[in-house]
C-alpha atoms as a PDB file:
ATOM      1  CA  UNK A   1     138.238 -86.602 -26.230  1.00  0.00           C
ATOM      2  CA  UNK A   2     140.769 -89.665 -26.769  1.00  0.00           C
ATOM      3  CA  UNK A   3     143.639 -90.608 -24.139  1.00  0.00           C
ATOM      4  CA  UNK A   4     146.804 -92.520 -25.004  1.00  0.00           C
ATOM      5  CA  UNK A   5     148.756 -94.170 -22.845  1.00  0.00           C
ATOM      6  CA  UNK A   6     152.616 -93.664 -23.446  1.00  0.00           C
ATOM      7  CA  UNK A   7     154.215 -97.611 -22.503  1.00  0.00           C
ATOM      8  CA  UNK A   8     157.398 -97.111 -24.015  1.00  0.00           C
ATOM      9  CA  UNK A   9     159.716 -94.538 -23.699  1.00  0.00           C
ATOM     10  CA  UNK A  10     163.409 -94.596 -25.898  1.00  0.00           C
ATOM     11  CA  UNK A  11     165.977 -92.170 -26.302  1.00  0.00           C
ATOM     12  CA  UNK A  12     168.565 -92.589 -28.594  1.00  0.00           C
ATOM     13  CA  UNK A  13     171.298 -90.489 -29.474  1.00  0.00           C
ATOM     14  CA  UNK A  14     170.787 -89.887 -33.334  1.00  0.00           C
ATOM     15  CA  UNK A  15     173.877 -87.680 -34.697  1.00  0.00           C
ATOM     16  CA  UNK A  16     175.945 -85.341 -33.072  1.00  0.00           C
ATOM     17  CA  UNK A  17     175.391 -82.825 -34.899  1.00  0.00           C
ATOM     18  CA  UNK A  18     178.592 -81.847 -36.380  1.00  0.00           C
ATOM     19  CA  UNK A  19     176.275 -81.440 -39.771  1.00  0.00           C
ATOM     20  CA  UNK A  20     174.194 -78.229 -38.241  1.00  0.00           C
ATOM     21  CA  UNK A  21     177.968 -76.625 -37.604  1.00  0.00           C
ATOM     22  CA  UNK A  22     178.943 -78.000 -41.458  1.00  0.00           C
ATOM     23  CA  UNK A  23     176.288 -76.661 -42.843  1.00  0.00           C
ATOM     24  CA  UNK A  24     176.029 -72.901 -41.448  1.00  0.00           C
ATOM     25  CA  UNK A  25     179.655 -72.045 -41.150  1.00  0.00           C
ATOM     26  CA  UNK A  26     179.592 -72.869 -45.848  1.00  0.00           C
ATOM     27  CA  UNK A  27     175.461 -71.652 -46.545  1.00  0.00           C
ATOM     28  CA  UNK A  28     176.392 -68.312 -44.665  1.00  0.00           C
ATOM     29  CA  UNK A  29     180.420 -67.859 -45.276  1.00  0.00           C
ATOM     30  CA  UNK A  30     180.275 -64.278 -43.852  1.00  0.00           C
ATOM     31  CA  UNK A  31     178.703 -64.375 -40.987  1.00  0.00           C
ATOM     32  CA  UNK A  32     181.598 -67.398 -39.976  1.00  0.00           C
ATOM     33  CA  UNK A  33     184.244 -65.099 -41.293  1.00  0.00           C
ATOM     34  CA  UNK A  34     186.231 -68.022 -43.532  1.00  0.00           C
ATOM     35  CA  UNK A  35     184.533 -68.616 -47.127  1.00  0.00           C
ATOM     36  CA  UNK A  36     183.187 -71.495 -48.557  1.00  0.00           C
ATOM     37  CA  UNK A  37     184.563 -74.140 -50.010  1.00  0.00           C
ATOM     38  CA  UNK A  38     182.404 -74.390 -52.977  1.00  0.00           C
ATOM     39  CA  UNK A  39     182.682 -78.477 -52.308  1.00  0.00           C
ATOM     40  CA  UNK A  40     178.840 -79.423 -51.250  1.00  0.00           C
ATOM     41  CA  UNK A  41     179.771 -82.757 -49.515  1.00  0.00           C
ATOM     42  CA  UNK A  42     179.763 -83.259 -45.624  1.00  0.00           C
ATOM     43  CA  UNK A  43     182.375 -84.921 -44.503  1.00  0.00           C
ATOM     44  CA  UNK A  44     182.600 -88.358 -43.980  1.00  0.00           C
ATOM     45  CA  UNK A  45     182.616 -88.224 -40.124  1.00  0.00           C
ATOM     46  CA  UNK A  46     179.432 -85.314 -40.253  1.00  0.00           C
ATOM     47  CA  UNK A  47     177.159 -88.065 -42.509  1.00  0.00           C
ATOM     48  CA  UNK A  48     174.387 -90.079 -41.538  1.00  0.00           C
ATOM     49  CA  UNK A  49     175.535 -93.895 -40.882  1.00  0.00           C
ATOM     50  CA  UNK A  50     172.711 -94.113 -43.648  1.00  0.00           C
ATOM     51  CA  UNK A  51     174.539 -91.646 -46.016  1.00  0.00           C
ATOM     52  CA  UNK A  52     178.040 -93.736 -45.310  1.00  0.00           C
ATOM     53  CA  UNK A  53     176.118 -97.246 -46.251  1.00  0.00           C
ATOM     54  CA  UNK A  54     175.096 -96.374 -49.464  1.00  0.00           C
ATOM     55  CA  UNK A  55     178.037 -94.656 -50.403  1.00  0.00           C
ATOM     56  CA  UNK A  56     180.214 -97.456 -49.583  1.00  0.00           C
ATOM     57  CA  UNK A  57     177.425 -99.506 -51.349  1.00  0.00           C
ATOM     58  CA  UNK A  58     177.241 -98.009 -54.498  1.00  0.00           C
ATOM     59  CA  UNK A  59     181.323 -97.719 -54.733  1.00  0.00           C
ATOM     60  CA  UNK A  60     181.813-101.280 -53.992  1.00  0.00           C
ATOM     61  CA  UNK A  61     179.540-102.308 -57.018  1.00  0.00           C
END
């Protein structure tokens, strides 16, 4: 048997999950009653911080 002890628990909010709503609406447009825009890109506010940082950094060079 192994005994595992949790010494520290840190709960963080990674994202507000707007991207999941966007993905569900754009992957299944008939489910939401709207047609797909076909852009294939998440809105800026729905992208994770790392993705925004990479895009900003690559555009700067």
